[in-house]
Amino acid sequence: MIAQQFSRLATPKFLVPLAGATALSLALAAHYTTSSNFIANESGKTFTDPNEWIDLKLAKSIDLNHNTKH
């Protein structure tokens, strides 16, 4: 009985969407782990001295505001 239930899962009707969903989730995970958009509007600072900071200039700035009510 259990073997019959597992044999239903081995059909292309089940395996093709499962493979697609797996590939999509892996691609999205890779994209979001390598993406640096979450720090796009922050300017970095660095130490030159324990009491002194230097502001670094941004090369590119991305507006992350998605407000549609303006």
N, C-alpha and C. Protein backbone atom coordinates (compact mmCIF):
# COMPACT_ATOMS: atom_id res chain seq x y z
N MET A 1 0.82 -1.19 0.00
CA MET A 1 0.00 0.00 0.00
C MET A 1 0.87 1.26 0.00
N ILE A 2 1.90 1.27 0.83
CA ILE A 2 2.78 2.44 0.88
C ILE A 2 3.55 2.57 -0.43
N ALA A 3 3.93 1.44 -1.03
CA ALA A 3 4.65 1.48 -2.29
C ALA A 3 3.79 2.08 -3.39
N GLN A 4 2.49 1.83 -3.36
CA GLN A 4 1.59 2.42 -4.36
C GLN A 4 1.51 3.93 -4.19
N GLN A 5 1.50 4.40 -2.96
CA GLN A 5 1.44 5.85 -2.73
C GLN A 5 2.72 6.52 -3.21
N PHE A 6 3.88 5.90 -2.96
CA PHE A 6 5.13 6.47 -3.43
C PHE A 6 5.27 6.39 -4.95
N SER A 7 4.69 5.36 -5.56
CA SER A 7 4.78 5.26 -7.01
C SER A 7 3.96 6.36 -7.68
N ARG A 8 2.92 6.85 -7.03
CA ARG A 8 2.16 7.99 -7.58
C ARG A 8 3.01 9.26 -7.55
N LEU A 9 3.89 9.38 -6.57
CA LEU A 9 4.73 10.57 -6.48
C LEU A 9 5.85 10.56 -7.51
N ALA A 10 6.16 9.41 -8.08
CA ALA A 10 7.24 9.30 -9.05
C ALA A 10 6.78 9.54 -10.48
N THR A 11 5.57 10.01 -10.67
CA THR A 11 5.07 10.28 -12.02
C THR A 11 5.53 11.66 -12.48
N PRO A 12 5.64 11.87 -13.79
CA PRO A 12 6.04 13.18 -14.30
C PRO A 12 5.06 14.30 -13.90
N LYS A 13 3.82 13.94 -13.65
CA LYS A 13 2.82 14.93 -13.24
C LYS A 13 3.20 15.58 -11.90
N PHE A 14 3.92 14.85 -11.08
CA PHE A 14 4.37 15.37 -9.78
C PHE A 14 5.82 15.84 -9.83
N LEU A 15 6.68 15.12 -10.53
CA LEU A 15 8.11 15.41 -10.51
C LEU A 15 8.48 16.69 -11.26
N VAL A 16 7.80 16.98 -12.37
CA VAL A 16 8.14 18.17 -13.15
C VAL A 16 7.86 19.45 -12.36
N PRO A 17 6.68 19.62 -11.75
CA PRO A 17 6.48 20.83 -10.93
C PRO A 17 7.40 20.88 -9.71
N LEU A 18 7.71 19.72 -9.13
CA LEU A 18 8.62 19.69 -7.99
C LEU A 18 10.02 20.14 -8.40
N ALA A 19 10.49 19.68 -9.55
CA ALA A 19 11.81 20.09 -10.04
C ALA A 19 11.82 21.59 -10.36
N GLY A 20 10.74 22.10 -10.94
CA GLY A 20 10.65 23.53 -11.24
C GLY A 20 10.64 24.38 -9.99
N ALA A 21 9.88 23.96 -9.00
CA ALA A 21 9.82 24.71 -7.74
C ALA A 21 11.16 24.68 -7.02
N THR A 22 11.84 23.55 -7.08
CA THR A 22 13.16 23.44 -6.45
C THR A 22 14.17 24.36 -7.15
N ALA A 23 14.16 24.36 -8.47
CA ALA A 23 15.08 25.22 -9.22
C ALA A 23 14.80 26.69 -8.96
N LEU A 24 13.53 27.06 -8.90
CA LEU A 24 13.16 28.45 -8.64
C LEU A 24 13.59 28.87 -7.24
N SER A 25 13.37 28.02 -6.26
CA SER A 25 13.76 28.39 -4.90
C SER A 25 15.28 28.50 -4.76
N LEU A 26 16.02 27.65 -5.42
CA LEU A 26 17.48 27.75 -5.38
C LEU A 26 17.97 29.02 -6.09
N ALA A 27 17.35 29.37 -7.20
CA ALA A 27 17.74 30.59 -7.92
C ALA A 27 17.43 31.83 -7.09
N LEU A 28 16.27 31.87 -6.46
CA LEU A 28 15.92 33.02 -5.63
C LEU A 28 16.83 33.12 -4.41
N ALA A 29 17.16 32.01 -3.81
CA ALA A 29 18.06 32.03 -2.66
C ALA A 29 19.44 32.55 -3.07
N ALA A 30 19.93 32.12 -4.22
CA ALA A 30 21.23 32.60 -4.69
C ALA A 30 21.18 34.09 -5.01
N HIS A 31 20.08 34.54 -5.59
CA HIS A 31 19.95 35.96 -5.93
C HIS A 31 19.94 36.83 -4.69
N TYR A 32 19.15 36.46 -3.70
CA TYR A 32 19.03 37.30 -2.52
C TYR A 32 20.25 37.24 -1.60
N THR A 33 21.02 36.18 -1.66
CA THR A 33 22.22 36.15 -0.83
C THR A 33 23.36 36.93 -1.46
N THR A 34 23.35 37.08 -2.79
CA THR A 34 24.41 37.84 -3.45
C THR A 34 24.00 39.27 -3.74
N SER A 35 22.76 39.61 -3.49
CA SER A 35 22.27 40.96 -3.77
C SER A 35 22.70 41.91 -2.67
N SER A 36 23.08 43.12 -3.06
CA SER A 36 23.48 44.11 -2.06
C SER A 36 22.54 45.31 -2.09
N ASN A 37 21.32 45.12 -2.55
CA ASN A 37 20.38 46.24 -2.63
C ASN A 37 19.96 46.75 -1.27
N PHE A 38 20.07 45.94 -0.24
CA PHE A 38 19.63 46.37 1.08
C PHE A 38 20.56 47.41 1.68
N ILE A 39 21.75 47.58 1.14
CA ILE A 39 22.65 48.62 1.63
C ILE A 39 22.90 49.68 0.56
N ALA A 40 22.04 49.78 -0.42
CA ALA A 40 22.27 50.66 -1.56
C ALA A 40 22.29 52.13 -1.16
N ASN A 41 21.49 52.53 -0.18
CA ASN A 41 21.39 53.94 0.17
C ASN A 41 22.17 54.30 1.43
N GLU A 42 22.98 53.42 1.92
CA GLU A 42 23.77 53.72 3.11
C GLU A 42 25.17 54.15 2.71
N SER A 43 25.65 55.19 3.32
CA SER A 43 27.03 55.57 3.06
C SER A 43 27.91 54.88 4.09
N GLY A 44 28.99 54.31 3.64
CA GLY A 44 29.89 53.62 4.55
C GLY A 44 30.83 54.59 5.25
N LYS A 45 31.30 54.19 6.38
CA LYS A 45 32.26 54.99 7.12
C LYS A 45 33.44 54.10 7.48
N THR A 46 34.57 54.71 7.64
CA THR A 46 35.76 53.95 7.99
C THR A 46 36.56 54.70 9.05
N PHE A 47 37.30 53.96 9.81
CA PHE A 47 38.16 54.57 10.83
C PHE A 47 39.48 55.02 10.22
N THR A 48 39.91 56.20 10.57
CA THR A 48 41.28 56.62 10.28
C THR A 48 42.05 56.73 11.58
N ASP A 49 41.32 57.02 12.61
CA ASP A 49 41.87 57.21 13.94
C ASP A 49 40.77 56.71 14.89
N PRO A 50 41.05 56.28 16.08
CA PRO A 50 39.98 55.83 16.97
C PRO A 50 38.92 56.90 17.23
N ASN A 51 39.25 58.16 17.06
CA ASN A 51 38.29 59.24 17.33
C ASN A 51 37.82 59.95 16.07
N GLU A 52 38.16 59.48 14.90
CA GLU A 52 37.83 60.19 13.66
C GLU A 52 37.19 59.25 12.65
N TRP A 53 36.12 59.72 11.99
CA TRP A 53 35.42 58.97 10.95
C TRP A 53 35.55 59.70 9.63
N ILE A 54 35.51 58.96 8.53
CA ILE A 54 35.49 59.55 7.19
C ILE A 54 34.25 59.03 6.48
N ASP A 55 33.45 59.93 5.91
CA ASP A 55 32.29 59.52 5.11
C ASP A 55 32.76 59.16 3.71
N LEU A 56 32.36 57.98 3.25
CA LEU A 56 32.70 57.56 1.90
C LEU A 56 31.58 57.94 0.95
N LYS A 57 31.89 58.36 -0.25
CA LYS A 57 30.90 58.76 -1.24
C LYS A 57 30.32 57.53 -1.92
N LEU A 58 29.03 57.61 -2.24
CA LEU A 58 28.37 56.53 -2.96
C LEU A 58 28.62 56.66 -4.45
N ALA A 59 28.87 55.55 -5.11
CA ALA A 59 29.01 55.55 -6.56
C ALA A 59 27.65 55.45 -7.23
N LYS A 60 26.70 54.78 -6.58
CA LYS A 60 25.38 54.57 -7.17
C LYS A 60 24.37 54.53 -6.04
N SER A 61 23.24 55.17 -6.26
CA SER A 61 22.18 55.18 -5.26
C SER A 61 20.89 54.71 -5.90
N ILE A 62 20.19 53.82 -5.23
CA ILE A 62 18.94 53.26 -5.74
C ILE A 62 17.83 53.62 -4.78
N ASP A 63 16.74 54.18 -5.30
CA ASP A 63 15.59 54.52 -4.47
C ASP A 63 14.78 53.26 -4.23
N LEU A 64 14.63 52.86 -2.98
CA LEU A 64 13.91 51.64 -2.64
C LEU A 64 12.49 51.92 -2.17
N ASN A 65 12.00 53.15 -2.32
CA ASN A 65 10.66 53.50 -1.90
C ASN A 65 9.66 53.02 -2.95
N HIS A 66 8.72 52.20 -2.55
CA HIS A 66 7.70 51.68 -3.45
C HIS A 66 6.32 52.18 -3.05
N ASN A 67 6.25 53.39 -2.53
CA ASN A 67 4.99 53.96 -2.09
C ASN A 67 4.17 54.35 -3.32
N THR A 68 2.98 53.76 -3.47
CA THR A 68 2.13 54.05 -4.63
C THR A 68 1.04 55.04 -4.30
N LYS A 69 1.03 55.59 -3.09
CA LYS A 69 -0.04 56.50 -2.68
C LYS A 69 0.37 57.96 -2.75
N HIS A 70 1.40 58.33 -3.48
CA HIS A 70 1.79 59.73 -3.56
C HIS A 70 1.28 60.39 -4.80
